[in-house]
Amino acid sequence: MALVALVVLFAPFVVRAESAPAEQRVRFTVVSPRAAAGLTYIPRTGQAATPLVLYPTARSPRYEYRGAMPLRITDAVTKSVIAEATVPLEITEALLLLVPLDPAPAAGLRYQTYVLDDSAVRQAAGTLSILNLSGFALAGTVGDRATSLATGLNPAVPIARSAAVVLRTTVKNRSLLAYAGTVELRRGERALLVLLPPFYRGSAEVQSRLLIDSPGSATRP
């Protein structure tokens, strides 16, 4: 089965297959649940490959790409394409989430790529978005607000400077704690909480990545 990059705009996420214009300009950051080194991309046709710095718990530095889609990420040693992202024309600020394929393939693409609209229009400062890729139906509270999460990217909600997030799932008629944490924002910041499947088979405790930044500026260390 061919692998495709998923474009996440609003829940549920949307898979785009239409052709893109000959050249697009997009600024982007990258994040992956696992550390990775030796990744590159070509910022523009005719330019040399540029290293991509990838952090497992934070956004990368901000990069720029000008060219035709898909944007391809390559292995610096083998030069093989390991991830692809097709960014829709309407997205000029993107977050690329690279989720390693498990089991890892012997050749070809190594990641499932999710493309999120990362603009301040889509998510303003003082808000929290939750991207639910856990495989569970989750419900609970964000601060004093009850929430029920759809699969994919859920709409951003305003939060106080500090908000507790408690999410539960139901397994075999039992309510189990899936995630509990606190989101703390400084003035002008926003947060994206990424929820991934549990590390251990049979567990209800989801993996999480909390990404905090200020729209249009560098990521908080």
N, C-alpha and C. Protein backbone atom coordinates (compact mmCIF):
# COMPACT_ATOMS: atom_id res chain seq x y z
N MET A 1 0.84 -1.19 0.00
CA MET A 1 0.00 0.00 0.00
C MET A 1 0.87 1.24 0.00
N ALA A 2 0.57 2.21 -0.85
CA ALA A 2 1.39 3.42 -0.93
C ALA A 2 1.19 4.25 0.32
N LEU A 3 2.26 4.89 0.76
CA LEU A 3 2.22 5.75 1.92
C LEU A 3 1.95 7.17 1.47
N VAL A 4 1.15 7.90 2.24
CA VAL A 4 0.84 9.27 1.90
C VAL A 4 1.05 10.14 3.11
N ALA A 5 1.29 11.43 2.88
CA ALA A 5 1.37 12.40 3.96
C ALA A 5 -0.04 12.88 4.27
N LEU A 6 -0.38 12.97 5.54
CA LEU A 6 -1.69 13.43 5.94
C LEU A 6 -1.64 14.91 6.26
N VAL A 7 -2.62 15.66 5.77
CA VAL A 7 -2.68 17.08 6.01
C VAL A 7 -3.72 17.34 7.08
N VAL A 8 -3.30 17.89 8.22
CA VAL A 8 -4.20 18.13 9.32
C VAL A 8 -4.56 19.59 9.37
N LEU A 9 -5.82 19.92 9.07
CA LEU A 9 -6.27 21.29 9.13
C LEU A 9 -7.18 21.49 10.34
N PHE A 10 -8.27 20.77 10.40
CA PHE A 10 -9.17 20.74 11.52
C PHE A 10 -9.65 19.31 11.67
N ALA A 11 -10.21 18.96 12.82
CA ALA A 11 -10.70 17.61 13.00
C ALA A 11 -11.97 17.43 12.17
N PRO A 12 -12.14 16.27 11.49
CA PRO A 12 -11.11 15.24 11.33
C PRO A 12 -10.06 15.67 10.33
N PHE A 13 -8.88 15.02 10.34
CA PHE A 13 -7.86 15.47 9.42
C PHE A 13 -8.20 15.05 8.00
N VAL A 14 -7.61 15.81 7.07
CA VAL A 14 -7.97 15.71 5.66
C VAL A 14 -6.78 15.22 4.86
N VAL A 15 -7.00 14.30 3.98
CA VAL A 15 -5.94 13.84 3.08
C VAL A 15 -6.11 14.55 1.75
N ARG A 16 -5.05 15.30 1.36
CA ARG A 16 -5.11 16.04 0.11
C ARG A 16 -4.37 15.30 -0.99
N ALA A 17 -5.00 15.11 -2.13
CA ALA A 17 -4.37 14.38 -3.22
C ALA A 17 -4.26 15.21 -4.49
N GLU A 18 -4.86 16.43 -4.49
CA GLU A 18 -4.85 17.19 -5.73
C GLU A 18 -3.46 17.72 -6.03
N SER A 19 -3.22 18.07 -7.28
CA SER A 19 -1.90 18.55 -7.69
C SER A 19 -1.63 19.93 -7.11
N ALA A 20 -0.36 20.22 -6.82
CA ALA A 20 0.04 21.50 -6.27
C ALA A 20 0.62 22.38 -7.37
N PRO A 21 0.71 23.68 -7.14
CA PRO A 21 1.32 24.55 -8.15
C PRO A 21 2.79 24.23 -8.31
N ALA A 22 3.40 24.78 -9.37
CA ALA A 22 4.78 24.45 -9.68
C ALA A 22 5.73 24.83 -8.55
N GLU A 23 5.47 25.95 -7.87
CA GLU A 23 6.34 26.35 -6.77
C GLU A 23 5.52 26.96 -5.65
N GLN A 24 5.85 26.61 -4.43
CA GLN A 24 5.23 27.18 -3.25
C GLN A 24 6.33 27.65 -2.31
N ARG A 25 5.95 28.59 -1.46
CA ARG A 25 6.85 29.06 -0.42
C ARG A 25 6.20 28.77 0.93
N VAL A 26 6.90 28.06 1.78
CA VAL A 26 6.35 27.71 3.09
C VAL A 26 7.45 27.76 4.13
N ARG A 27 7.14 28.32 5.28
CA ARG A 27 8.03 28.27 6.43
C ARG A 27 7.52 27.14 7.32
N PHE A 28 8.44 26.38 7.90
CA PHE A 28 7.99 25.21 8.64
C PHE A 28 8.95 24.86 9.78
N THR A 29 8.39 24.15 10.75
CA THR A 29 9.18 23.50 11.79
C THR A 29 8.86 22.02 11.76
N VAL A 30 9.73 21.22 12.37
CA VAL A 30 9.57 19.77 12.34
C VAL A 30 9.68 19.23 13.76
N VAL A 31 8.92 18.19 14.06
CA VAL A 31 9.05 17.50 15.34
C VAL A 31 8.77 16.02 15.11
N SER A 32 9.41 15.18 15.91
CA SER A 32 9.19 13.74 15.84
C SER A 32 9.25 13.17 17.25
N PRO A 33 8.46 12.13 17.55
CA PRO A 33 8.50 11.52 18.89
C PRO A 33 9.85 10.90 19.23
N ARG A 34 10.65 10.59 18.22
CA ARG A 34 11.95 9.98 18.47
C ARG A 34 13.06 10.86 17.91
N ALA A 35 14.17 10.87 18.62
CA ALA A 35 15.32 11.65 18.16
C ALA A 35 15.81 11.09 16.83
N ALA A 36 16.29 11.97 15.97
CA ALA A 36 16.82 11.55 14.68
C ALA A 36 17.91 12.53 14.28
N ALA A 37 18.95 12.00 13.67
CA ALA A 37 20.07 12.82 13.21
C ALA A 37 20.36 12.50 11.75
N GLY A 38 21.10 13.37 11.10
CA GLY A 38 21.50 13.11 9.72
C GLY A 38 20.39 13.29 8.71
N LEU A 39 19.45 14.23 8.97
CA LEU A 39 18.37 14.50 8.03
C LEU A 39 18.66 15.81 7.29
N THR A 40 18.26 15.86 6.02
CA THR A 40 18.47 17.06 5.21
C THR A 40 17.25 17.32 4.33
N TYR A 41 17.21 18.53 3.78
CA TYR A 41 16.21 18.85 2.74
C TYR A 41 16.84 19.90 1.84
N ILE A 42 16.30 20.07 0.65
CA ILE A 42 16.80 21.07 -0.30
C ILE A 42 15.86 22.27 -0.25
N PRO A 43 16.32 23.42 0.28
CA PRO A 43 15.44 24.58 0.44
C PRO A 43 14.85 25.09 -0.87
N ARG A 44 15.64 24.99 -1.97
CA ARG A 44 15.17 25.50 -3.26
C ARG A 44 15.91 24.76 -4.36
N THR A 45 15.27 24.58 -5.49
CA THR A 45 15.89 23.88 -6.60
C THR A 45 17.24 24.50 -6.96
N GLY A 46 18.25 23.64 -7.05
CA GLY A 46 19.58 24.11 -7.40
C GLY A 46 20.46 24.41 -6.21
N GLN A 47 19.87 24.45 -5.00
CA GLN A 47 20.66 24.71 -3.80
C GLN A 47 21.15 23.40 -3.20
N ALA A 48 22.18 23.51 -2.36
CA ALA A 48 22.70 22.34 -1.66
C ALA A 48 21.75 21.93 -0.55
N ALA A 49 21.83 20.66 -0.18
CA ALA A 49 21.00 20.14 0.91
C ALA A 49 21.37 20.82 2.22
N THR A 50 20.36 21.12 3.03
CA THR A 50 20.53 21.78 4.32
C THR A 50 20.18 20.81 5.44
N PRO A 51 21.00 20.72 6.49
CA PRO A 51 20.67 19.83 7.61
C PRO A 51 19.39 20.28 8.32
N LEU A 52 18.61 19.30 8.76
CA LEU A 52 17.44 19.54 9.59
C LEU A 52 17.77 19.12 11.01
N VAL A 53 17.62 20.03 11.95
CA VAL A 53 17.82 19.71 13.36
C VAL A 53 16.48 19.28 13.92
N LEU A 54 16.41 18.07 14.45
CA LEU A 54 15.14 17.49 14.88
C LEU A 54 15.20 17.16 16.36
N TYR A 55 14.26 17.73 17.14
CA TYR A 55 14.19 17.47 18.58
C TYR A 55 12.99 16.57 18.88
N PRO A 56 13.11 15.60 19.79
CA PRO A 56 11.98 14.73 20.10
C PRO A 56 10.95 15.35 21.03
N THR A 57 11.29 16.44 21.74
CA THR A 57 10.36 17.02 22.70
C THR A 57 10.07 18.49 22.44
N ALA A 58 10.50 19.01 21.31
CA ALA A 58 10.27 20.42 20.98
C ALA A 58 10.30 20.59 19.47
N ARG A 59 9.82 21.74 19.02
CA ARG A 59 9.88 22.06 17.61
C ARG A 59 11.33 22.31 17.19
N SER A 60 11.61 22.04 15.94
CA SER A 60 12.92 22.35 15.38
C SER A 60 13.04 23.86 15.19
N PRO A 61 14.23 24.34 14.81
CA PRO A 61 14.31 25.72 14.31
C PRO A 61 13.38 25.88 13.11
N ARG A 62 13.11 27.12 12.75
CA ARG A 62 12.21 27.39 11.63
C ARG A 62 12.98 27.37 10.32
N TYR A 63 12.44 26.66 9.32
CA TYR A 63 13.07 26.54 8.01
C TYR A 63 12.15 27.12 6.94
N GLU A 64 12.71 27.31 5.75
CA GLU A 64 11.91 27.80 4.63
C GLU A 64 12.15 26.91 3.42
N TYR A 65 11.08 26.67 2.68
CA TYR A 65 11.15 25.85 1.47
C TYR A 65 10.46 26.59 0.34
N ARG A 66 11.10 26.59 -0.83
CA ARG A 66 10.49 27.12 -2.05
C ARG A 66 10.65 26.07 -3.14
N GLY A 67 9.54 25.58 -3.64
CA GLY A 67 9.62 24.57 -4.68
C GLY A 67 8.32 23.85 -4.86
N ALA A 68 8.37 22.83 -5.68
CA ALA A 68 7.18 22.01 -5.94
C ALA A 68 6.97 21.03 -4.80
N MET A 69 5.74 20.62 -4.61
CA MET A 69 5.41 19.61 -3.61
C MET A 69 5.49 18.22 -4.23
N PRO A 70 5.86 17.19 -3.45
CA PRO A 70 6.04 17.27 -2.01
C PRO A 70 7.41 17.78 -1.59
N LEU A 71 7.46 18.31 -0.38
CA LEU A 71 8.72 18.64 0.27
C LEU A 71 9.33 17.32 0.74
N ARG A 72 10.56 17.06 0.36
CA ARG A 72 11.17 15.77 0.66
C ARG A 72 12.28 15.91 1.70
N ILE A 73 12.27 15.04 2.68
CA ILE A 73 13.32 14.98 3.69
C ILE A 73 14.15 13.74 3.41
N THR A 74 15.46 13.90 3.41
CA THR A 74 16.35 12.82 2.98
C THR A 74 17.36 12.45 4.06
N ASP A 75 17.90 11.25 3.91
CA ASP A 75 19.00 10.78 4.74
C ASP A 75 20.29 11.38 4.18
N ALA A 76 21.06 12.05 5.05
CA ALA A 76 22.26 12.75 4.57
C ALA A 76 23.30 11.80 4.01
N VAL A 77 23.33 10.57 4.48
CA VAL A 77 24.34 9.61 4.04
C VAL A 77 23.94 8.90 2.75
N THR A 78 22.73 8.33 2.76
CA THR A 78 22.30 7.54 1.61
C THR A 78 21.62 8.37 0.53
N LYS A 79 21.22 9.61 0.87
CA LYS A 79 20.49 10.51 -0.03
C LYS A 79 19.08 10.01 -0.36
N SER A 80 18.63 8.96 0.29
CA SER A 80 17.30 8.42 0.03
C SER A 80 16.24 9.26 0.73
N VAL A 81 15.06 9.33 0.11
CA VAL A 81 13.94 10.08 0.69
C VAL A 81 13.32 9.25 1.80
N ILE A 82 13.26 9.81 3.01
CA ILE A 82 12.70 9.08 4.15
C ILE A 82 11.37 9.64 4.63
N ALA A 83 11.00 10.84 4.16
CA ALA A 83 9.71 11.43 4.52
C ALA A 83 9.31 12.43 3.45
N GLU A 84 8.00 12.55 3.23
CA GLU A 84 7.48 13.49 2.26
C GLU A 84 6.30 14.24 2.87
N ALA A 85 6.18 15.52 2.52
CA ALA A 85 5.07 16.33 3.02
C ALA A 85 4.51 17.16 1.88
N THR A 86 3.23 17.03 1.63
CA THR A 86 2.55 17.86 0.65
C THR A 86 1.77 18.92 1.39
N VAL A 87 2.24 20.15 1.32
CA VAL A 87 1.63 21.27 2.04
C VAL A 87 0.64 21.96 1.12
N PRO A 88 -0.63 22.08 1.51
CA PRO A 88 -1.61 22.76 0.66
C PRO A 88 -1.22 24.22 0.42
N LEU A 89 -1.66 24.75 -0.68
CA LEU A 89 -1.32 26.10 -1.09
C LEU A 89 -1.71 27.13 -0.02
N GLU A 90 -2.83 26.89 0.68
CA GLU A 90 -3.31 27.88 1.64
C GLU A 90 -2.48 27.92 2.92
N ILE A 91 -1.60 26.95 3.12
CA ILE A 91 -0.77 26.92 4.32
C ILE A 91 0.61 27.49 4.00
N THR A 92 0.97 28.57 4.67
CA THR A 92 2.30 29.17 4.49
C THR A 92 3.17 29.02 5.74
N GLU A 93 2.56 28.66 6.86
CA GLU A 93 3.28 28.35 8.10
C GLU A 93 2.86 26.95 8.51
N ALA A 94 3.80 26.00 8.52
CA ALA A 94 3.43 24.60 8.74
C ALA A 94 4.26 23.98 9.86
N LEU A 95 3.65 23.02 10.51
CA LEU A 95 4.36 22.13 11.43
C LEU A 95 4.30 20.73 10.85
N LEU A 96 5.46 20.11 10.64
CA LEU A 96 5.53 18.75 10.11
C LEU A 96 5.80 17.80 11.27
N LEU A 97 4.87 16.91 11.52
CA LEU A 97 5.02 15.89 12.55
C LEU A 97 5.41 14.58 11.88
N LEU A 98 6.60 14.08 12.21
CA LEU A 98 7.11 12.84 11.62
C LEU A 98 6.98 11.71 12.63
N VAL A 99 6.06 10.80 12.38
CA VAL A 99 5.84 9.66 13.28
C VAL A 99 6.51 8.43 12.66
N PRO A 100 7.52 7.86 13.32
CA PRO A 100 8.23 6.71 12.74
C PRO A 100 7.29 5.54 12.48
N LEU A 101 7.46 4.91 11.33
CA LEU A 101 6.67 3.72 11.01
C LEU A 101 7.20 2.55 11.85
N ASP A 102 6.29 1.76 12.37
CA ASP A 102 6.66 0.65 13.24
C ASP A 102 5.89 -0.59 12.80
N PRO A 103 6.59 -1.65 12.33
CA PRO A 103 8.04 -1.78 12.28
C PRO A 103 8.66 -0.92 11.18
N ALA A 104 9.93 -0.55 11.38
CA ALA A 104 10.61 0.29 10.42
C ALA A 104 10.83 -0.47 9.12
N PRO A 105 10.50 0.10 7.98
CA PRO A 105 10.70 -0.59 6.70
C PRO A 105 12.19 -0.69 6.36
N ALA A 106 12.54 -1.69 5.58
CA ALA A 106 13.93 -1.87 5.17
C ALA A 106 14.36 -0.81 4.17
N ALA A 107 13.41 -0.28 3.42
CA ALA A 107 13.71 0.76 2.43
C ALA A 107 12.47 1.63 2.25
N GLY A 108 12.68 2.78 1.62
CA GLY A 108 11.55 3.66 1.38
C GLY A 108 11.28 4.61 2.53
N LEU A 109 10.07 5.15 2.58
CA LEU A 109 9.71 6.12 3.60
C LEU A 109 9.74 5.50 4.99
N ARG A 110 10.29 6.24 5.93
CA ARG A 110 10.39 5.76 7.31
C ARG A 110 9.37 6.38 8.24
N TYR A 111 8.68 7.42 7.76
CA TYR A 111 7.79 8.18 8.62
C TYR A 111 6.41 8.35 7.99
N GLN A 112 5.40 8.37 8.85
CA GLN A 112 4.09 8.89 8.47
C GLN A 112 4.14 10.38 8.78
N THR A 113 3.85 11.23 7.81
CA THR A 113 3.99 12.66 7.98
C THR A 113 2.63 13.33 8.10
N TYR A 114 2.48 14.14 9.15
CA TYR A 114 1.27 14.92 9.36
C TYR A 114 1.62 16.39 9.17
N VAL A 115 0.82 17.10 8.38
CA VAL A 115 1.06 18.51 8.08
C VAL A 115 -0.01 19.34 8.77
N LEU A 116 0.40 20.22 9.66
CA LEU A 116 -0.53 21.07 10.39
C LEU A 116 -0.36 22.52 10.00
N ASP A 117 -1.48 23.21 9.86
CA ASP A 117 -1.46 24.65 9.68
C ASP A 117 -0.99 25.26 11.00
N ASP A 118 0.16 25.93 10.98
CA ASP A 118 0.79 26.42 12.20
C ASP A 118 0.67 27.93 12.34
N SER A 119 -0.21 28.55 11.59
CA SER A 119 -0.32 30.00 11.59
C SER A 119 -1.03 30.50 12.84
N ALA A 120 -0.82 31.79 13.13
CA ALA A 120 -1.51 32.42 14.25
C ALA A 120 -3.01 32.53 13.99
N VAL A 121 -3.40 32.53 12.72
CA VAL A 121 -4.83 32.57 12.40
C VAL A 121 -5.50 31.28 12.84
N ARG A 122 -4.83 30.14 12.61
CA ARG A 122 -5.38 28.85 13.01
C ARG A 122 -5.33 28.66 14.52
N GLN A 123 -4.24 29.09 15.17
CA GLN A 123 -4.14 28.99 16.62
C GLN A 123 -3.45 30.21 17.17
N ALA A 124 -4.19 30.99 17.94
CA ALA A 124 -3.66 32.22 18.52
C ALA A 124 -2.95 31.94 19.84
N ALA A 125 -2.24 32.93 20.33
CA ALA A 125 -1.61 32.84 21.65
C ALA A 125 -2.69 32.69 22.72
N GLY A 126 -2.31 32.06 23.84
CA GLY A 126 -3.25 31.88 24.94
C GLY A 126 -4.21 30.72 24.76
N THR A 127 -3.90 29.82 23.82
CA THR A 127 -4.80 28.69 23.55
C THR A 127 -4.03 27.37 23.56
N LEU A 128 -4.79 26.29 23.68
CA LEU A 128 -4.27 24.93 23.62
C LEU A 128 -5.00 24.16 22.54
N SER A 129 -4.24 23.50 21.66
CA SER A 129 -4.81 22.55 20.71
C SER A 129 -4.33 21.16 21.08
N ILE A 130 -5.16 20.16 20.85
CA ILE A 130 -4.78 18.78 21.12
C ILE A 130 -4.92 17.97 19.83
N LEU A 131 -3.82 17.33 19.44
CA LEU A 131 -3.81 16.44 18.28
C LEU A 131 -3.87 15.01 18.80
N ASN A 132 -5.01 14.38 18.63
CA ASN A 132 -5.23 13.05 19.18
C ASN A 132 -4.94 11.98 18.13
N LEU A 133 -3.75 11.39 18.22
CA LEU A 133 -3.37 10.28 17.35
C LEU A 133 -3.17 9.01 18.18
N SER A 134 -3.77 8.99 19.37
CA SER A 134 -3.55 7.90 20.33
C SER A 134 -4.24 6.60 19.94
N GLY A 135 -5.28 6.69 19.13
CA GLY A 135 -6.08 5.51 18.82
C GLY A 135 -7.20 5.27 19.81
N PHE A 136 -7.30 6.14 20.83
CA PHE A 136 -8.34 6.01 21.86
C PHE A 136 -9.37 7.12 21.72
N ALA A 137 -10.59 6.82 22.15
CA ALA A 137 -11.58 7.85 22.39
C ALA A 137 -11.27 8.43 23.76
N LEU A 138 -11.02 9.73 23.82
CA LEU A 138 -10.58 10.37 25.06
C LEU A 138 -11.56 11.46 25.48
N ALA A 139 -11.76 11.55 26.77
CA ALA A 139 -12.62 12.60 27.32
C ALA A 139 -12.10 12.96 28.70
N GLY A 140 -12.39 14.19 29.12
CA GLY A 140 -11.94 14.61 30.44
C GLY A 140 -12.11 16.10 30.61
N THR A 141 -11.07 16.76 31.15
CA THR A 141 -11.17 18.18 31.41
C THR A 141 -9.88 18.89 30.99
N VAL A 142 -10.06 20.12 30.53
CA VAL A 142 -8.95 21.05 30.29
C VAL A 142 -9.24 22.25 31.17
N GLY A 143 -8.48 22.39 32.26
CA GLY A 143 -8.83 23.38 33.25
C GLY A 143 -10.17 23.03 33.86
N ASP A 144 -11.11 23.96 33.83
CA ASP A 144 -12.46 23.67 34.35
C ASP A 144 -13.44 23.36 33.24
N ARG A 145 -12.93 23.12 32.04
CA ARG A 145 -13.78 22.87 30.88
C ARG A 145 -13.81 21.38 30.54
N ALA A 146 -15.02 20.81 30.42
CA ALA A 146 -15.14 19.42 29.99
C ALA A 146 -14.82 19.32 28.51
N THR A 147 -14.17 18.21 28.13
CA THR A 147 -13.80 18.05 26.73
C THR A 147 -13.95 16.61 26.31
N SER A 148 -14.28 16.40 25.04
CA SER A 148 -14.32 15.08 24.42
C SER A 148 -13.56 15.20 23.11
N LEU A 149 -12.49 14.43 22.96
CA LEU A 149 -11.59 14.61 21.83
C LEU A 149 -11.96 13.74 20.64
N ALA A 150 -11.99 14.35 19.47
CA ALA A 150 -12.11 13.60 18.23
C ALA A 150 -10.73 13.11 17.82
N THR A 151 -10.68 12.15 16.92
CA THR A 151 -9.41 11.74 16.34
C THR A 151 -8.89 12.85 15.43
N GLY A 152 -7.61 13.16 15.53
CA GLY A 152 -7.03 14.21 14.73
C GLY A 152 -6.89 15.48 15.52
N LEU A 153 -6.84 16.61 14.81
CA LEU A 153 -6.61 17.90 15.44
C LEU A 153 -7.92 18.48 15.95
N ASN A 154 -7.97 18.75 17.24
CA ASN A 154 -9.16 19.34 17.85
C ASN A 154 -9.03 20.86 17.89
N PRO A 155 -10.16 21.57 17.84
CA PRO A 155 -10.11 23.04 17.81
C PRO A 155 -9.38 23.59 19.03
N ALA A 156 -8.67 24.69 18.83
CA ALA A 156 -7.96 25.34 19.92
C ALA A 156 -8.96 25.93 20.91
N VAL A 157 -8.60 25.82 22.20
CA VAL A 157 -9.45 26.37 23.26
C VAL A 157 -8.61 27.33 24.10
N PRO A 158 -9.20 28.44 24.55
CA PRO A 158 -8.46 29.37 25.41
C PRO A 158 -8.22 28.75 26.78
N ILE A 159 -7.04 28.98 27.33
CA ILE A 159 -6.73 28.47 28.66
C ILE A 159 -6.08 29.59 29.47
N ALA A 160 -6.07 29.41 30.79
CA ALA A 160 -5.38 30.34 31.67
C ALA A 160 -3.88 30.12 31.55
N ARG A 161 -3.10 30.90 32.26
CA ARG A 161 -1.65 30.74 32.21
C ARG A 161 -1.24 29.33 32.62
N SER A 162 -2.03 28.70 33.50
CA SER A 162 -1.76 27.32 33.92
C SER A 162 -3.08 26.55 33.89
N ALA A 163 -3.07 25.40 33.22
CA ALA A 163 -4.30 24.60 33.11
C ALA A 163 -3.96 23.12 33.23
N ALA A 164 -4.67 22.43 34.10
CA ALA A 164 -4.51 20.98 34.23
C ALA A 164 -5.30 20.29 33.14
N VAL A 165 -4.70 19.26 32.53
CA VAL A 165 -5.37 18.47 31.50
C VAL A 165 -5.45 17.03 32.00
N VAL A 166 -6.66 16.52 32.12
CA VAL A 166 -6.88 15.14 32.58
C VAL A 166 -7.78 14.45 31.57
N LEU A 167 -7.29 13.35 30.99
CA LEU A 167 -8.03 12.64 29.96
C LEU A 167 -8.13 11.16 30.31
N ARG A 168 -9.29 10.59 30.05
CA ARG A 168 -9.51 9.19 30.36
C ARG A 168 -10.07 8.48 29.14
N THR A 169 -9.93 7.15 29.13
CA THR A 169 -10.50 6.33 28.07
C THR A 169 -11.20 5.14 28.71
N THR A 170 -12.09 4.52 27.98
CA THR A 170 -12.81 3.36 28.50
C THR A 170 -12.35 2.11 27.79
N VAL A 171 -11.87 1.14 28.56
CA VAL A 171 -11.40 -0.14 28.04
C VAL A 171 -12.12 -1.25 28.80
N LYS A 172 -12.85 -2.08 28.06
CA LYS A 172 -13.60 -3.19 28.67
C LYS A 172 -14.47 -2.70 29.83
N ASN A 173 -15.20 -1.61 29.56
CA ASN A 173 -16.13 -1.02 30.51
C ASN A 173 -15.45 -0.43 31.74
N ARG A 174 -14.13 -0.25 31.68
CA ARG A 174 -13.41 0.37 32.79
C ARG A 174 -12.88 1.73 32.34
N SER A 175 -13.06 2.74 33.17
CA SER A 175 -12.54 4.07 32.89
C SER A 175 -11.09 4.14 33.38
N LEU A 176 -10.16 4.39 32.45
CA LEU A 176 -8.74 4.38 32.78
C LEU A 176 -8.12 5.74 32.47
N LEU A 177 -7.19 6.14 33.32
CA LEU A 177 -6.49 7.39 33.09
C LEU A 177 -5.53 7.23 31.92
N ALA A 178 -5.67 8.08 30.92
CA ALA A 178 -4.81 8.01 29.73
C ALA A 178 -3.74 9.10 29.74
N TYR A 179 -4.07 10.26 30.28
CA TYR A 179 -3.11 11.36 30.31
C TYR A 179 -3.47 12.33 31.43
N ALA A 180 -2.46 12.81 32.13
CA ALA A 180 -2.63 13.87 33.11
C ALA A 180 -1.39 14.75 33.09
N GLY A 181 -1.58 16.03 32.96
CA GLY A 181 -0.45 16.96 32.93
C GLY A 181 -0.93 18.38 33.09
N THR A 182 0.01 19.29 33.20
CA THR A 182 -0.31 20.71 33.37
C THR A 182 0.37 21.50 32.26
N VAL A 183 -0.40 22.37 31.63
CA VAL A 183 0.12 23.25 30.59
C VAL A 183 0.33 24.63 31.21
N GLU A 184 1.55 25.14 31.12
CA GLU A 184 1.86 26.46 31.65
C GLU A 184 2.36 27.36 30.53
N LEU A 185 1.70 28.48 30.33
CA LEU A 185 2.04 29.39 29.25
C LEU A 185 2.52 30.72 29.80
N ARG A 186 3.52 31.28 29.13
CA ARG A 186 3.91 32.66 29.37
C ARG A 186 3.07 33.57 28.49
N ARG A 187 3.16 34.83 28.73
CA ARG A 187 2.40 35.79 27.92
C ARG A 187 2.78 35.66 26.45
N GLY A 188 1.79 35.58 25.58
CA GLY A 188 2.03 35.50 24.14
C GLY A 188 2.31 34.11 23.62
N GLU A 189 2.22 33.09 24.48
CA GLU A 189 2.52 31.72 24.04
C GLU A 189 1.24 30.93 23.79
N ARG A 190 1.39 29.82 23.06
CA ARG A 190 0.32 28.87 22.79
C ARG A 190 0.91 27.47 22.93
N ALA A 191 0.04 26.46 22.98
CA ALA A 191 0.51 25.09 23.19
C ALA A 191 -0.21 24.12 22.27
N LEU A 192 0.55 23.12 21.82
CA LEU A 192 -0.01 22.00 21.06
C LEU A 192 0.36 20.72 21.81
N LEU A 193 -0.65 19.97 22.22
CA LEU A 193 -0.43 18.70 22.91
C LEU A 193 -0.68 17.57 21.91
N VAL A 194 0.37 16.80 21.62
CA VAL A 194 0.28 15.68 20.69
C VAL A 194 0.17 14.39 21.50
N LEU A 195 -0.88 13.62 21.26
CA LEU A 195 -1.11 12.36 21.96
C LEU A 195 -0.92 11.20 20.99
N LEU A 196 -0.04 10.27 21.36
CA LEU A 196 0.33 9.13 20.50
C LEU A 196 -0.02 7.82 21.21
N PRO A 197 -0.05 6.71 20.47
CA PRO A 197 -0.39 5.42 21.10
C PRO A 197 0.55 5.09 22.26
N PRO A 198 0.07 4.28 23.22
CA PRO A 198 0.90 3.89 24.36
C PRO A 198 2.20 3.23 23.93
N PHE A 199 3.23 3.40 24.73
CA PHE A 199 4.52 2.78 24.45
C PHE A 199 4.43 1.27 24.64
N TYR A 200 3.67 0.85 25.67
CA TYR A 200 3.53 -0.57 25.97
C TYR A 200 2.19 -1.09 25.49
N ARG A 201 2.20 -2.23 24.81
CA ARG A 201 0.98 -2.86 24.33
C ARG A 201 0.08 -3.20 25.52
N GLY A 202 -1.18 -2.86 25.42
CA GLY A 202 -2.13 -3.15 26.47
C GLY A 202 -2.27 -2.04 27.50
N SER A 203 -1.38 -1.05 27.45
CA SER A 203 -1.45 0.07 28.37
C SER A 203 -2.46 1.10 27.89
N ALA A 204 -3.03 1.87 28.82
CA ALA A 204 -3.94 2.95 28.46
C ALA A 204 -3.24 4.30 28.56
N GLU A 205 -2.00 4.31 29.03
CA GLU A 205 -1.25 5.56 29.20
C GLU A 205 -0.64 5.97 27.87
N VAL A 206 -1.15 7.05 27.28
CA VAL A 206 -0.70 7.46 25.96
C VAL A 206 0.64 8.19 26.06
N GLN A 207 1.40 8.15 24.97
CA GLN A 207 2.60 8.98 24.87
C GLN A 207 2.17 10.41 24.53
N SER A 208 2.94 11.38 24.98
CA SER A 208 2.56 12.77 24.74
C SER A 208 3.78 13.63 24.45
N ARG A 209 3.55 14.67 23.68
CA ARG A 209 4.54 15.70 23.43
C ARG A 209 3.83 17.05 23.55
N LEU A 210 4.34 17.90 24.42
CA LEU A 210 3.75 19.22 24.61
C LEU A 210 4.67 20.25 23.96
N LEU A 211 4.17 20.92 22.92
CA LEU A 211 4.96 21.87 22.14
C LEU A 211 4.45 23.28 22.44
N ILE A 212 5.32 24.14 22.95
CA ILE A 212 4.95 25.50 23.33
C ILE A 212 5.78 26.48 22.51
N ASP A 213 5.11 27.45 21.92
CA ASP A 213 5.83 28.48 21.18
C ASP A 213 5.01 29.75 21.18
N SER A 214 5.59 30.80 20.63
CA SER A 214 4.88 32.05 20.37
C SER A 214 4.64 32.11 18.88
N PRO A 215 3.41 32.36 18.43
CA PRO A 215 3.13 32.34 16.99
C PRO A 215 4.07 33.24 16.21
N GLY A 216 4.72 32.65 15.19
CA GLY A 216 5.59 33.42 14.31
C GLY A 216 6.96 33.70 14.86
N SER A 217 7.31 33.10 16.01
CA SER A 217 8.64 33.35 16.58
C SER A 217 9.29 32.02 16.94
N ALA A 218 10.46 32.09 17.55
CA ALA A 218 11.19 30.89 17.91
C ALA A 218 10.50 30.11 19.01
N THR A 219 10.78 28.81 19.04
CA THR A 219 10.21 27.93 20.04
C THR A 219 10.86 28.15 21.39
N ARG A 220 10.08 27.98 22.43
CA ARG A 220 10.66 28.03 23.77
C ARG A 220 11.59 26.84 23.95
N PRO A 221 12.81 27.02 24.51
CA PRO A 221 13.74 25.92 24.72
C PRO A 221 13.14 24.89 25.66
